[in-house]
C-alpha cells in the first residue's frame, strides 16, 4: 500500500512541476505580449487541465490495472491541494 502512495505522490509532484513551468512561461508571455485578463484566465485553466491530464496519463502508465481509477484519484488530489493552497493564500 505504501508503494502505491509513494508512486502517487511522485506523480503528483511531477504534475506540480509541469504546472509551475507552464505558469512561468505564461507569465513571460504576459510580460512580453500584454495578454488581456480573460486570455490569462483561459491560459491558467488550460494549464491546470493539461497538468491534471498529464498526471493521469503518467500514473496510468505506471499502474497497469485500474488506470482510470488512479487517474481520477490523482486528479482529485491535484484539485484538492491546489484549492487548499489557493484558499490559504
C-alpha atoms as a PDB file:
ATOM      1  CA  UNK A   1       0.000   0.000   0.000  1.00  0.00           C
ATOM      2  CA  UNK A   2       2.773   2.469   0.864  1.00  0.00           C
ATOM      3  CA  UNK A   3       4.413   1.889  -2.533  1.00  0.00           C
ATOM      4  CA  UNK A   4       1.176   2.977  -4.212  1.00  0.00           C
ATOM      5  CA  UNK A   5       1.049   6.145  -2.124  1.00  0.00           C
ATOM      6  CA  UNK A   6       4.695   6.947  -2.868  1.00  0.00           C
ATOM      7  CA  UNK A   7       4.095   6.469  -6.608  1.00  0.00           C
ATOM      8  CA  UNK A   8       1.038   8.706  -6.413  1.00  0.00           C
ATOM      9  CA  UNK A   9       2.965  11.419  -4.563  1.00  0.00           C
ATOM     10  CA  UNK A  10       5.836  11.254  -7.078  1.00  0.00           C
ATOM     11  CA  UNK A  11       3.467  11.718  -9.999  1.00  0.00           C
ATOM     12  CA  UNK A  12       1.653  14.484  -8.115  1.00  0.00           C
ATOM     13  CA  UNK A  13       4.981  16.266  -7.660  1.00  0.00           C
ATOM     14  CA  UNK A  14       5.657  15.920 -11.386  1.00  0.00           C
ATOM     15  CA  UNK A  15       2.278  17.472 -12.196  1.00  0.00           C
ATOM     16  CA  UNK A  16       3.011  20.441  -9.957  1.00  0.00           C
ATOM     17  CA  UNK A  17       6.418  20.876 -11.600  1.00  0.00           C
ATOM     18  CA  UNK A  18       4.713  20.846 -15.010  1.00  0.00           C
ATOM     19  CA  UNK A  19       2.207  23.396 -13.728  1.00  0.00           C
ATOM     20  CA  UNK A  20       4.961  25.632 -12.360  1.00  0.00           C
ATOM     21  CA  UNK A  21       6.971  25.594 -15.581  1.00  0.00           C
ATOM     22  CA  UNK A  22       3.931  26.339 -17.702  1.00  0.00           C
ATOM     23  CA  UNK A  23       2.800  29.169 -15.398  1.00  0.00           C
ATOM     24  CA  UNK A  24       6.258  30.740 -15.643  1.00  0.00           C
ATOM     25  CA  UNK A  25       6.007  30.555 -19.435  1.00  0.00           C
ATOM     26  CA  UNK A  26       2.554  32.156 -19.257  1.00  0.00           C
ATOM     27  CA  UNK A  27       3.951  34.923 -17.063  1.00  0.00           C
ATOM     28  CA  UNK A  28       6.737  35.528 -19.581  1.00  0.00           C
ATOM     29  CA  UNK A  29       4.133  35.718 -22.326  1.00  0.00           C
ATOM     30  CA  UNK A  30       2.148  38.164 -20.239  1.00  0.00           C
ATOM     31  CA  UNK A  31       5.226  40.334 -19.800  1.00  0.00           C
ATOM     32  CA  UNK A  32       6.166  40.293 -23.480  1.00  0.00           C
ATOM     33  CA  UNK A  33       2.776  40.262 -25.208  1.00  0.00           C
ATOM     34  CA  UNK A  34       0.443  42.118 -22.823  1.00  0.00           C
ATOM     35  CA  UNK A  35      -2.315  39.490 -22.712  1.00  0.00           C
ATOM     36  CA  UNK A  36      -5.766  40.562 -21.554  1.00  0.00           C
ATOM     37  CA  UNK A  37      -7.196  39.339 -18.268  1.00  0.00           C
ATOM     38  CA  UNK A  38      -9.588  36.909 -19.981  1.00  0.00           C
ATOM     39  CA  UNK A  39      -6.716  35.412 -22.014  1.00  0.00           C
ATOM     40  CA  UNK A  40      -4.706  34.936 -18.821  1.00  0.00           C
ATOM     41  CA  UNK A  41      -7.628  33.220 -17.068  1.00  0.00           C
ATOM     42  CA  UNK A  42      -8.139  30.891 -20.028  1.00  0.00           C
ATOM     43  CA  UNK A  43      -4.407  30.149 -20.098  1.00  0.00           C
ATOM     44  CA  UNK A  44      -4.389  29.284 -16.403  1.00  0.00           C
ATOM     45  CA  UNK A  45      -7.364  26.942 -16.764  1.00  0.00           C
ATOM     46  CA  UNK A  46      -5.771  25.238 -19.771  1.00  0.00           C
ATOM     47  CA  UNK A  47      -2.510  24.800 -17.847  1.00  0.00           C
ATOM     48  CA  UNK A  48      -4.294  23.249 -14.860  1.00  0.00           C
ATOM     49  CA  UNK A  49      -6.297  20.923 -17.105  1.00  0.00           C
ATOM     50  CA  UNK A  50      -3.229  19.896 -19.117  1.00  0.00           C
ATOM     51  CA  UNK A  51      -1.232  19.204 -15.957  1.00  0.00           C
ATOM     52  CA  UNK A  52      -4.003  17.077 -14.455  1.00  0.00           C
ATOM     53  CA  UNK A  53      -4.412  15.111 -17.685  1.00  0.00           C
ATOM     54  CA  UNK A  54      -0.643  14.625 -17.978  1.00  0.00           C
ATOM     55  CA  UNK A  55      -0.512  13.392 -14.381  1.00  0.00           C
ATOM     56  CA  UNK A  56      -3.383  10.996 -15.020  1.00  0.00           C
ATOM     57  CA  UNK A  57      -1.616   9.686 -18.103  1.00  0.00           C
ATOM     58  CA  UNK A  58       1.666   9.195 -16.207  1.00  0.00           C
ATOM     59  CA  UNK A  59       0.033   7.377 -13.275  1.00  0.00           C
ATOM     60  CA  UNK A  60      -1.936   5.277 -15.755  1.00  0.00           C
ATOM     61  CA  UNK A  61       1.283   4.207 -17.444  1.00  0.00           C
ATOM     62  CA  UNK A  62       2.871   3.384 -14.069  1.00  0.00           C
ATOM     63  CA  UNK A  63      -0.085   1.344 -12.847  1.00  0.00           C
ATOM     64  CA  UNK A  64      -1.098  -1.371 -15.238  1.00  0.00           C
ATOM     65  CA  UNK A  65      -4.514  -2.062 -13.716  1.00  0.00           C
ATOM     66  CA  UNK A  66      -7.334   0.325 -12.821  1.00  0.00           C
ATOM     67  CA  UNK A  67      -5.695   3.146 -14.720  1.00  0.00           C
ATOM     68  CA  UNK A  68      -8.845   5.248 -14.836  1.00  0.00           C
ATOM     69  CA  UNK A  69      -9.313   4.988 -11.064  1.00  0.00           C
ATOM     70  CA  UNK A  70      -5.705   6.040 -10.449  1.00  0.00           C
ATOM     71  CA  UNK A  71      -6.097   8.939 -12.864  1.00  0.00           C
ATOM     72  CA  UNK A  72      -9.247  10.117 -11.110  1.00  0.00           C
ATOM     73  CA  UNK A  73      -7.585   9.828  -7.695  1.00  0.00           C
ATOM     74  CA  UNK A  74      -4.626  11.865  -8.931  1.00  0.00           C
ATOM     75  CA  UNK A  75      -6.902  14.497 -10.479  1.00  0.00           C
ATOM     76  CA  UNK A  76      -8.928  14.845  -7.282  1.00  0.00           C
ATOM     77  CA  UNK A  77      -5.779  15.143  -5.163  1.00  0.00           C
ATOM     78  CA  UNK A  78      -4.355  17.716  -7.581  1.00  0.00           C
ATOM     79  CA  UNK A  79      -7.541  19.782  -7.363  1.00  0.00           C
ATOM     80  CA  UNK A  80      -7.847  19.494  -3.568  1.00  0.00           C
ATOM     81  CA  UNK A  81      -4.236  20.500  -2.875  1.00  0.00           C
ATOM     82  CA  UNK A  82      -4.444  23.354  -5.395  1.00  0.00           C
ATOM     83  CA  UNK A  83      -7.684  24.581  -3.811  1.00  0.00           C
ATOM     84  CA  UNK A  84      -6.364  24.378  -0.256  1.00  0.00           C
ATOM     85  CA  UNK A  85      -3.211  26.302  -1.154  1.00  0.00           C
ATOM     86  CA  UNK A  86      -5.249  28.904  -3.062  1.00  0.00           C
ATOM     87  CA  UNK A  87      -7.615  29.432  -0.139  1.00  0.00           C
ATOM     88  CA  UNK A  88      -4.727  29.595   2.330  1.00  0.00           C
ATOM     89  CA  UNK A  89      -3.007  32.318   0.324  1.00  0.00           C
END
